[in-house]
């Protein structure tokens, strides 16, 4: 019978408890104990080999689909089962990988709108912590993400915080700093012996940041004048110009109804963001919004495609963080940072979009709250290292991440190949490239660049 009913030991439809599922999985994944049906343990059954043979991802996935086919296991529990069996070791294309190093970059959790529009029937007092701030829902979302990361990497990242093992960085914005704090509260949840106060289930964990004007990794626009010029030039690209021209009627309609001057694609994105959040919190939207929300959503998604549409913007906006990731992996392989295991970046939807565009793996959809990009560095034999990339964009934090493939890199992608391909968007001298080659364009760039959200 399917695993759900087998565990629950009851009629169909009876959901298993977590201890029951855990107990059975420990039995059927053991290399010493056969399962209760007399078949091979799961590890050997999947690998079809001797004890200790790592099962391939497709084999484990296929078997899990069979034993959970009656869909009686909840999403969270099913996800936990998947990670319990997969852990941090996978066999892909016949190669057994062992996790050596990991990077996370995630968007902050749910927040209040950045701005309200002049004709907005709702005012800022609805948002108790202020506009643009992390909400209670957003804090819970990041805490859940921290638990998800702990579950996925529980056999790799130490349960207690070790300074040489982990580095956490955030943009200097309240919602990203608070998101990192909530995430780390779950990732390093302390049991009672480790607490500094018995009734405080939290331990302080360092979060590094830099002023926005000095941030050369996660918020580079203020430090790079040339970005402003490239954005102006990008407005004249046919794909951008055509969309802008086709949207003029919508721009005029939104300007009239909202009382806000809407003249660019980014203007639509900001207005749509406000309306979307208000709808999410069951606030009544004006009647005029109902027919235009789908068109606004399309332009909002498109606004993320053009944050780094040109090759020059990919180099200027995504190049620094991609270069930093590559440098850190090279240092890890060279043995310069033997204890380092994890880099964590708390950032924004635009930061993620720029990074994914720079890597050529963006899905052209605005990154939802708590979207997480993952890079794993795996070791095979003494001198072979491979890079695997994943994206988790499920706001309910239930589904496992899906794998991303760097264009032009064979699967599995070696570290050398990854570094070679990404070097095309990593400037050798970013500061020099950022210097304008002629007079700075005299125009208001705020509506072109925009504040990250």
Protein backbone atom coordinates (compact mmCIF):
# COMPACT_ATOMS: atom_id res chain seq x y z
CA UNK A 1 0.00 0.00 0.00
CA UNK A 2 1.20 3.59 -0.47
CA UNK A 3 3.49 5.00 2.17
CA UNK A 4 0.90 7.40 3.62
CA UNK A 5 -1.55 4.60 4.48
CA UNK A 6 1.26 2.22 5.46
CA UNK A 7 2.57 4.72 7.99
CA UNK A 8 -0.79 5.72 9.35
CA UNK A 9 -1.86 2.09 9.70
CA UNK A 10 -5.41 3.21 9.00
CA UNK A 11 -7.94 3.38 6.20
CA UNK A 12 -7.30 5.36 3.00
CA UNK A 13 -7.38 9.06 3.73
CA UNK A 14 -5.69 8.77 7.10
CA UNK A 15 -2.74 11.14 7.18
CA UNK A 16 0.47 9.84 8.80
CA UNK A 17 2.07 11.62 11.68
CA UNK A 18 5.58 13.02 11.32
CA UNK A 19 7.10 10.50 13.80
CA UNK A 20 5.49 7.61 11.89
CA UNK A 21 6.90 8.74 8.56
CA UNK A 22 10.31 9.48 10.07
CA UNK A 23 10.45 6.08 11.73
CA UNK A 24 9.56 4.19 8.58
CA UNK A 25 11.94 6.19 6.42
CA UNK A 26 14.77 5.45 8.82
CA UNK A 27 14.00 1.77 8.37
CA UNK A 28 13.61 1.68 4.60
CA UNK A 29 16.66 3.90 3.94
CA UNK A 30 18.89 1.80 6.18
CA UNK A 31 21.52 -0.37 4.51
CA UNK A 32 21.16 -2.97 7.28
CA UNK A 33 17.39 -3.30 7.72
CA UNK A 34 15.00 -4.39 5.01
CA UNK A 35 11.62 -2.65 4.83
CA UNK A 36 8.53 -4.31 6.27
CA UNK A 37 7.52 -5.78 2.91
CA UNK A 38 10.73 -7.75 2.69
CA UNK A 39 12.16 -5.77 -0.22
CA UNK A 40 15.55 -4.12 -0.43
CA UNK A 41 16.08 -0.91 1.59
CA UNK A 42 15.36 2.29 -0.29
CA UNK A 43 19.02 3.23 -0.74
CA UNK A 44 19.87 -0.08 -2.41
CA UNK A 45 16.54 -0.32 -4.20
CA UNK A 46 17.13 3.04 -5.90
CA UNK A 47 20.77 2.52 -6.67
CA UNK A 48 20.32 -1.11 -7.67
CA UNK A 49 23.75 -1.72 -6.27
CA UNK A 50 25.58 -2.77 -3.09
CA UNK A 51 25.18 -0.99 0.25
CA UNK A 52 26.57 2.52 0.18
CA UNK A 53 25.80 3.09 -3.50
CA UNK A 54 24.29 6.54 -3.84
CA UNK A 55 20.91 6.57 -5.64
CA UNK A 56 20.49 8.85 -8.62
CA UNK A 57 18.10 11.77 -8.35
CA UNK A 58 15.69 10.37 -11.00
CA UNK A 59 15.63 7.00 -9.22
CA UNK A 60 14.80 8.51 -5.84
CA UNK A 61 12.26 10.87 -7.35
CA UNK A 62 10.56 8.01 -9.20
CA UNK A 63 10.31 5.83 -6.11
CA UNK A 64 9.07 8.70 -3.96
CA UNK A 65 6.35 9.40 -6.50
CA UNK A 66 5.23 5.80 -6.19
CA UNK A 67 5.21 5.56 -2.42
CA UNK A 68 3.50 8.93 -2.00
CA UNK A 69 1.12 8.52 -4.92
CA UNK A 70 -2.06 8.69 -2.86
CA UNK A 71 -1.20 12.33 -2.05
CA UNK A 72 -2.04 11.94 1.62
CA UNK A 73 1.22 13.39 2.81
CA UNK A 74 1.17 17.13 3.38
CA UNK A 75 3.41 19.35 1.30
CA UNK A 76 5.80 20.21 4.13
CA UNK A 77 6.15 16.58 5.17
CA UNK A 78 6.59 15.37 1.61
CA UNK A 79 9.32 17.97 1.06
CA UNK A 80 11.03 16.79 4.22
CA UNK A 81 10.86 13.19 3.00
CA UNK A 82 12.50 14.20 -0.27
CA UNK A 83 15.37 15.96 1.47
CA UNK A 84 15.69 13.16 4.02
CA UNK A 85 16.40 10.70 1.24
CA UNK A 86 18.41 12.98 -1.04
CA UNK A 87 20.39 14.87 1.60
CA UNK A 88 23.43 16.70 0.30
CA UNK A 89 24.72 13.79 -1.78
CA UNK A 90 23.42 13.17 -5.29
CA UNK A 91 24.57 10.98 -8.14
CA UNK A 92 24.24 12.73 -11.48
CA UNK A 93 25.47 11.37 -14.79
CA UNK A 94 27.25 8.59 -12.93
CA UNK A 95 29.29 10.95 -10.72
CA UNK A 96 28.93 10.93 -6.94
CA UNK A 97 29.00 14.50 -5.60
CA UNK A 98 29.75 15.73 -2.13
CA UNK A 99 28.73 19.25 -1.09
CA UNK A 100 31.75 21.44 -0.44
CA UNK A 101 30.38 25.00 -0.42
CA UNK A 102 27.06 26.79 -0.94
CA UNK A 103 25.78 30.30 -1.73
CA UNK A 104 22.25 31.61 -1.13
CA UNK A 105 20.78 34.82 -2.40
CA UNK A 106 17.17 35.46 -1.49
CA UNK A 107 14.64 38.22 -1.76
CA UNK A 108 13.28 39.63 1.48
CA UNK A 109 9.90 38.50 2.79
CA UNK A 110 6.46 40.08 2.40
CA UNK A 111 6.50 43.86 2.88
CA UNK A 112 4.19 46.86 2.90
CA UNK A 113 3.95 48.88 -0.34
CA UNK A 114 6.91 51.15 -1.10
CA UNK A 115 4.61 54.04 -1.99
CA UNK A 116 0.91 54.88 -2.21
CA UNK A 117 -0.59 56.71 -5.20
CA UNK A 118 -2.35 60.10 -4.84
CA UNK A 119 -5.88 58.73 -5.39
CA UNK A 120 -5.33 55.66 -3.22
CA UNK A 121 -8.43 55.09 -1.04
CA UNK A 122 -6.19 53.54 1.62
CA UNK A 123 -3.63 55.44 3.66
CA UNK A 124 -0.32 54.58 5.26
CA UNK A 125 -1.82 54.02 8.73
CA UNK A 126 -2.93 50.57 7.53
CA UNK A 127 0.72 49.52 7.64
CA UNK A 128 1.74 49.65 11.33
CA UNK A 129 5.48 49.42 10.70
CA UNK A 130 5.48 51.90 7.85
CA UNK A 131 5.70 51.76 4.07
CA UNK A 132 8.32 49.43 2.64
CA UNK A 133 8.82 47.60 5.93
CA UNK A 134 8.79 43.86 6.49
CA UNK A 135 5.37 42.65 7.65
CA UNK A 136 4.52 39.99 10.21
CA UNK A 137 3.79 37.70 7.30
CA UNK A 138 7.18 38.53 5.81
CA UNK A 139 9.00 37.67 9.03
CA UNK A 140 7.24 34.30 9.19
CA UNK A 141 8.09 33.71 5.53
CA UNK A 142 11.81 34.21 6.12
CA UNK A 143 11.73 32.12 9.28
CA UNK A 144 10.16 29.30 7.24
CA UNK A 145 12.87 29.72 4.61
CA UNK A 146 15.52 29.40 7.31
CA UNK A 147 13.93 26.13 8.43
CA UNK A 148 13.82 24.95 4.81
CA UNK A 149 17.52 25.70 4.38
CA UNK A 150 18.34 23.96 7.66
CA UNK A 151 16.43 20.89 6.52
CA UNK A 152 18.07 20.80 3.10
CA UNK A 153 21.61 21.30 4.44
CA UNK A 154 21.30 19.75 7.88
CA UNK A 155 24.11 17.28 7.15
CA UNK A 156 26.37 19.99 5.77
CA UNK A 157 25.99 23.27 7.69
CA UNK A 158 26.79 23.01 11.40
CA UNK A 159 23.84 23.29 13.77
CA UNK A 160 25.62 25.95 15.80
CA UNK A 161 27.00 29.16 14.35
CA UNK A 162 30.73 28.98 13.59
CA UNK A 163 32.24 32.30 12.50
CA UNK A 164 34.73 30.77 10.05
CA UNK A 165 31.98 28.72 8.39
CA UNK A 166 29.35 31.31 7.53
CA UNK A 167 29.26 34.81 6.07
CA UNK A 168 25.97 36.73 5.82
CA UNK A 169 25.56 40.01 3.97
CA UNK A 170 22.53 42.20 3.38
CA UNK A 171 21.79 45.42 1.59
CA UNK A 172 21.53 48.33 4.00
CA UNK A 173 17.73 48.34 3.97
CA UNK A 174 15.51 47.52 6.94
CA UNK A 175 13.48 44.79 5.24
CA UNK A 176 16.53 42.87 4.00
CA UNK A 177 18.38 43.17 7.31
CA UNK A 178 15.31 41.97 9.19
CA UNK A 179 14.75 39.17 6.68
CA UNK A 180 18.28 37.92 7.25
CA UNK A 181 17.76 38.04 11.02
CA UNK A 182 14.52 36.03 10.80
CA UNK A 183 16.10 33.51 8.44
CA UNK A 184 19.10 32.98 10.70
CA UNK A 185 16.88 32.65 13.77
CA UNK A 186 15.51 29.45 12.23
CA UNK A 187 18.71 28.26 10.54
CA UNK A 188 20.51 28.40 13.90
CA UNK A 189 17.61 27.62 16.20
CA UNK A 190 19.22 26.90 19.58
CA UNK A 191 18.19 24.09 21.87
CA UNK A 192 17.96 25.05 25.53
CA UNK A 193 21.57 24.27 26.55
CA UNK A 194 22.85 26.74 23.94
CA UNK A 195 20.51 29.62 24.83
CA UNK A 196 21.72 32.65 26.76
CA UNK A 197 18.21 32.83 28.30
CA UNK A 198 16.10 29.68 28.64
CA UNK A 199 12.95 31.37 27.38
CA UNK A 200 14.64 33.05 24.38
CA UNK A 201 14.87 30.59 21.49
CA UNK A 202 17.28 32.75 19.51
CA UNK A 203 20.98 33.42 19.21
CA UNK A 204 22.48 36.57 17.69
CA UNK A 205 24.22 35.94 14.36
CA UNK A 206 26.34 38.59 12.60
CA UNK A 207 24.88 40.23 9.48
CA UNK A 208 27.26 42.37 7.45
CA UNK A 209 26.23 45.32 5.31
CA UNK A 210 27.52 48.46 3.62
CA UNK A 211 25.91 51.86 3.02
CA UNK A 212 24.00 51.88 -0.26
CA UNK A 213 26.36 54.50 -1.66
CA UNK A 214 29.33 52.21 -0.96
CA UNK A 215 27.82 48.79 -1.73
CA UNK A 216 29.78 47.34 -4.65
CA UNK A 217 28.05 43.94 -4.67
CA UNK A 218 24.31 44.09 -4.02
CA UNK A 219 23.45 47.74 -4.75
CA UNK A 220 25.89 49.02 -7.32
CA UNK A 221 23.89 51.72 -9.13
CA UNK A 222 24.94 54.64 -6.90
CA UNK A 223 28.61 53.77 -7.36
CA UNK A 224 28.47 53.42 -11.15
CA UNK A 225 27.51 56.55 -13.15
CA UNK A 226 27.63 54.67 -16.43
CA UNK A 227 24.63 52.55 -15.43
CA UNK A 228 22.44 55.64 -15.71
CA UNK A 229 23.66 56.28 -19.24
CA UNK A 230 23.20 52.66 -20.29
CA UNK A 231 19.63 52.73 -19.00
CA UNK A 232 18.94 55.82 -21.10
CA UNK A 233 20.39 54.10 -24.15
CA UNK A 234 18.38 50.97 -23.41
CA UNK A 235 15.16 52.97 -23.69
CA UNK A 236 15.94 53.30 -27.41
CA UNK A 237 16.34 49.56 -28.03
CA UNK A 238 13.53 48.35 -30.36
CA UNK A 239 12.13 45.83 -27.88
CA UNK A 240 11.83 48.48 -25.15
CA UNK A 241 10.75 51.29 -27.44
CA UNK A 242 8.00 49.18 -29.04
CA UNK A 243 6.54 48.12 -25.68
CA UNK A 244 6.63 51.71 -24.44
CA UNK A 245 4.88 53.02 -27.55
CA UNK A 246 2.24 50.28 -27.42
CA UNK A 247 1.53 51.12 -23.77
CA UNK A 248 0.84 54.84 -24.19
CA UNK A 249 -2.94 54.45 -23.87
CA UNK A 250 -2.47 52.44 -20.67
CA UNK A 251 -0.02 55.05 -19.33
CA UNK A 252 -2.57 57.81 -19.91
CA UNK A 253 -5.38 55.80 -18.32
CA UNK A 254 -3.33 55.02 -15.22
CA UNK A 255 -2.20 58.64 -14.91
CA UNK A 256 -5.81 59.84 -15.00
CA UNK A 257 -7.18 57.28 -12.57
CA UNK A 258 -4.33 57.08 -10.06
CA UNK A 259 -3.46 60.77 -9.98
CA UNK A 260 0.15 59.72 -10.44
CA UNK A 261 2.29 60.55 -13.47
CA UNK A 262 2.78 57.24 -15.32
CA UNK A 263 5.11 57.60 -18.29
CA UNK A 264 7.44 54.56 -18.13
CA UNK A 265 7.30 50.81 -17.75
CA UNK A 266 8.87 51.16 -14.31
CA UNK A 267 6.12 53.58 -13.26
CA UNK A 268 3.59 50.85 -14.08
CA UNK A 269 5.58 48.32 -12.06
CA UNK A 270 5.53 50.50 -8.93
CA UNK A 271 1.81 51.20 -9.22
CA UNK A 272 1.06 47.53 -9.89
CA UNK A 273 3.15 46.53 -6.87
CA UNK A 274 1.04 48.76 -4.61
CA UNK A 275 -2.25 47.42 -6.01
CA UNK A 276 -1.06 43.82 -5.79
CA UNK A 277 -0.10 44.15 -2.14
CA UNK A 278 -3.35 45.88 -1.23
CA UNK A 279 -5.31 43.09 -2.92
CA UNK A 280 -3.18 40.51 -1.10
CA UNK A 281 -4.27 42.07 2.18
CA UNK A 282 -7.95 42.06 1.14
CA UNK A 283 -8.14 45.83 0.71
CA UNK A 284 -10.77 46.86 -1.80
CA UNK A 285 -9.32 48.10 -5.07
CA UNK A 286 -11.00 50.82 -7.15
CA UNK A 287 -13.23 49.54 -9.94
CA UNK A 288 -10.95 51.01 -12.61
CA UNK A 289 -8.18 48.56 -11.69
CA UNK A 290 -10.03 45.37 -12.53
CA UNK A 291 -9.68 45.47 -16.31
CA UNK A 292 -6.08 46.72 -16.41
CA UNK A 293 -4.39 44.54 -13.78
CA UNK A 294 -3.47 41.76 -16.27
CA UNK A 295 -1.80 44.28 -18.61
CA UNK A 296 -0.03 45.87 -15.66
CA UNK A 297 1.25 42.46 -14.55
CA UNK A 298 2.77 41.88 -17.99
CA UNK A 299 4.57 45.21 -17.91
CA UNK A 300 5.69 44.57 -14.32
CA UNK A 301 7.31 41.30 -15.37
CA UNK A 302 8.84 43.00 -18.41
CA UNK A 303 10.35 45.67 -16.17
CA UNK A 304 12.50 42.94 -14.61
CA UNK A 305 13.67 41.69 -18.01
CA UNK A 306 15.11 45.11 -18.75
CA UNK A 307 17.02 45.70 -15.50
CA UNK A 308 19.99 44.17 -17.36
CA UNK A 309 18.85 43.68 -20.93
CA UNK A 310 22.01 44.85 -22.69
CA UNK A 311 25.33 43.06 -22.38
CA UNK A 312 26.85 46.20 -20.87
CA UNK A 313 24.24 46.33 -18.10
CA UNK A 314 24.81 42.66 -17.37
CA UNK A 315 28.49 43.45 -16.84
CA UNK A 316 27.89 46.56 -14.76
CA UNK A 317 25.01 45.34 -12.61
CA UNK A 318 25.50 41.56 -12.36
CA UNK A 319 29.24 41.34 -13.01
CA UNK A 320 30.42 42.29 -9.49
CA UNK A 321 28.38 39.67 -7.61
CA UNK A 322 29.03 36.93 -10.20
CA UNK A 323 32.73 37.74 -10.02
CA UNK A 324 32.63 37.60 -6.22
CA UNK A 325 30.94 34.20 -6.29
CA UNK A 326 33.56 32.87 -8.70
CA UNK A 327 36.43 34.28 -6.64
CA UNK A 328 35.09 32.67 -3.48
CA UNK A 329 34.76 29.28 -5.19
CA UNK A 330 38.32 29.50 -6.52
CA UNK A 331 39.60 30.31 -3.03
CA UNK A 332 37.66 27.42 -1.56
CA UNK A 333 39.09 24.94 -4.05
CA UNK A 334 42.60 26.35 -3.53
CA UNK A 335 42.31 25.65 0.20
CA UNK A 336 42.48 29.31 1.21
CA UNK A 337 39.18 29.14 3.11
CA UNK A 338 39.09 25.55 4.41
CA UNK A 339 36.36 26.09 6.99
CA UNK A 340 34.12 28.30 4.86
CA UNK A 341 30.88 26.55 3.92
CA UNK A 342 28.23 29.15 3.29
CA UNK A 343 27.69 32.63 1.90
CA UNK A 344 24.24 34.16 2.35
CA UNK A 345 23.00 37.33 0.66
CA UNK A 346 19.75 39.04 1.67
CA UNK A 347 18.62 41.28 -1.16
CA UNK A 348 15.79 42.37 -3.47
CA UNK A 349 13.83 41.23 -6.50
CA UNK A 350 15.90 43.46 -8.78
CA UNK A 351 19.14 42.08 -7.32
CA UNK A 352 18.00 38.55 -8.10
CA UNK A 353 16.77 39.49 -11.57
CA UNK A 354 20.09 41.14 -12.42
CA UNK A 355 22.03 38.10 -11.21
CA UNK A 356 19.85 35.61 -13.09
CA UNK A 357 19.97 37.74 -16.26
CA UNK A 358 23.75 37.90 -15.98
CA UNK A 359 23.88 34.11 -15.77
CA UNK A 360 21.37 33.70 -18.61
CA UNK A 361 18.85 31.75 -16.49
CA UNK A 362 16.14 34.34 -15.74
CA UNK A 363 12.57 33.10 -16.31
CA UNK A 364 11.24 36.60 -17.13
CA UNK A 365 8.91 36.66 -14.13
CA UNK A 366 9.22 39.11 -11.24
CA UNK A 367 10.85 37.16 -8.35
CA UNK A 368 8.27 36.57 -5.59
CA UNK A 369 9.01 37.20 -1.92
CA UNK A 370 11.66 34.89 -0.44
CA UNK A 371 12.73 33.61 -3.87
CA UNK A 372 16.07 31.90 -3.30
CA UNK A 373 18.91 31.35 -5.75
CA UNK A 374 21.36 28.62 -4.74
CA UNK A 375 24.83 27.74 -5.99
CA UNK A 376 26.37 24.52 -4.73
CA UNK A 377 30.02 23.64 -5.24
CA UNK A 378 30.49 19.88 -5.29
CA UNK A 379 33.65 17.83 -5.21
CA UNK A 380 34.27 14.64 -7.20
CA UNK A 381 37.64 13.01 -6.65
CA UNK A 382 40.56 15.15 -5.54
CA UNK A 383 40.77 17.70 -8.34
CA UNK A 384 37.31 17.69 -9.91
CA UNK A 385 34.73 20.27 -8.87
CA UNK A 386 31.27 20.90 -10.25
CA UNK A 387 28.80 23.75 -9.91
CA UNK A 388 25.07 23.18 -9.54
CA UNK A 389 22.52 26.00 -9.50
CA UNK A 390 18.95 25.97 -8.20
CA UNK A 391 16.03 28.37 -7.86
CA UNK A 392 13.31 28.12 -5.22
CA UNK A 393 10.49 30.54 -5.96
CA UNK A 394 7.58 28.94 -4.10
CA UNK A 395 6.29 31.55 -1.63
CA UNK A 396 4.68 28.82 0.50
CA UNK A 397 8.13 27.28 0.88
CA UNK A 398 6.87 23.77 0.21
CA UNK A 399 8.15 22.69 -3.18
CA UNK A 400 11.78 21.69 -3.72
CA UNK A 401 13.90 23.98 -5.90
CA UNK A 402 14.31 23.36 -9.59
CA UNK A 403 17.72 23.07 -11.17
CA UNK A 404 19.11 25.77 -13.45
CA UNK A 405 21.60 25.11 -16.23
CA UNK A 406 24.20 27.66 -17.25
CA UNK A 407 23.88 28.17 -21.03
CA UNK A 408 26.81 26.62 -22.87
CA UNK A 409 27.99 24.52 -19.91
CA UNK A 410 27.81 20.71 -20.15
CA UNK A 411 25.87 18.83 -17.48
CA UNK A 412 27.44 18.39 -15.00
CA UNK A 413 29.08 21.82 -15.21
CA UNK A 414 32.68 21.87 -14.04
CA UNK A 415 33.92 24.79 -11.99
CA UNK A 416 36.43 25.65 -14.71
CA UNK A 417 33.69 25.77 -17.35
CA UNK A 418 31.44 27.82 -15.08
CA UNK A 419 34.21 30.34 -14.44
CA UNK A 420 35.13 30.52 -18.13
CA UNK A 421 31.57 31.14 -19.30
CA UNK A 422 30.68 33.67 -16.59
CA UNK A 423 33.93 35.58 -17.14
CA UNK A 424 32.23 37.14 -20.18
CA UNK A 425 30.05 39.26 -17.86
CA UNK A 426 32.68 39.93 -15.16
CA UNK A 427 34.65 43.15 -15.81
CA UNK A 428 38.37 43.03 -15.13
CA UNK A 429 38.18 46.61 -13.86
CA UNK A 430 34.60 47.41 -12.91
CA UNK A 431 35.42 50.87 -11.58
CA UNK A 432 37.05 51.84 -14.87
CA UNK A 433 34.10 50.56 -16.89
CA UNK A 434 31.74 52.52 -14.67
CA UNK A 435 33.30 55.84 -15.60
CA UNK A 436 31.23 57.65 -18.22
CA UNK A 437 33.02 58.05 -21.52
CA UNK A 438 31.27 61.36 -22.18
CA UNK A 439 29.11 63.90 -20.39
CA UNK A 440 26.54 62.48 -17.99
CA UNK A 441 23.07 62.57 -19.48
CA UNK A 442 21.17 65.42 -17.88
CA UNK A 443 17.84 63.94 -16.96
CA UNK A 444 15.96 62.59 -13.98
CA UNK A 445 17.15 59.01 -13.74
CA UNK A 446 15.03 57.96 -10.80
CA UNK A 447 12.22 56.69 -13.01
CA UNK A 448 14.73 54.82 -15.16
CA UNK A 449 16.73 53.17 -12.42
CA UNK A 450 14.14 52.91 -9.68
CA UNK A 451 14.54 51.77 -6.11
CA UNK A 452 14.87 48.05 -5.66
CA UNK A 453 11.83 46.48 -4.07
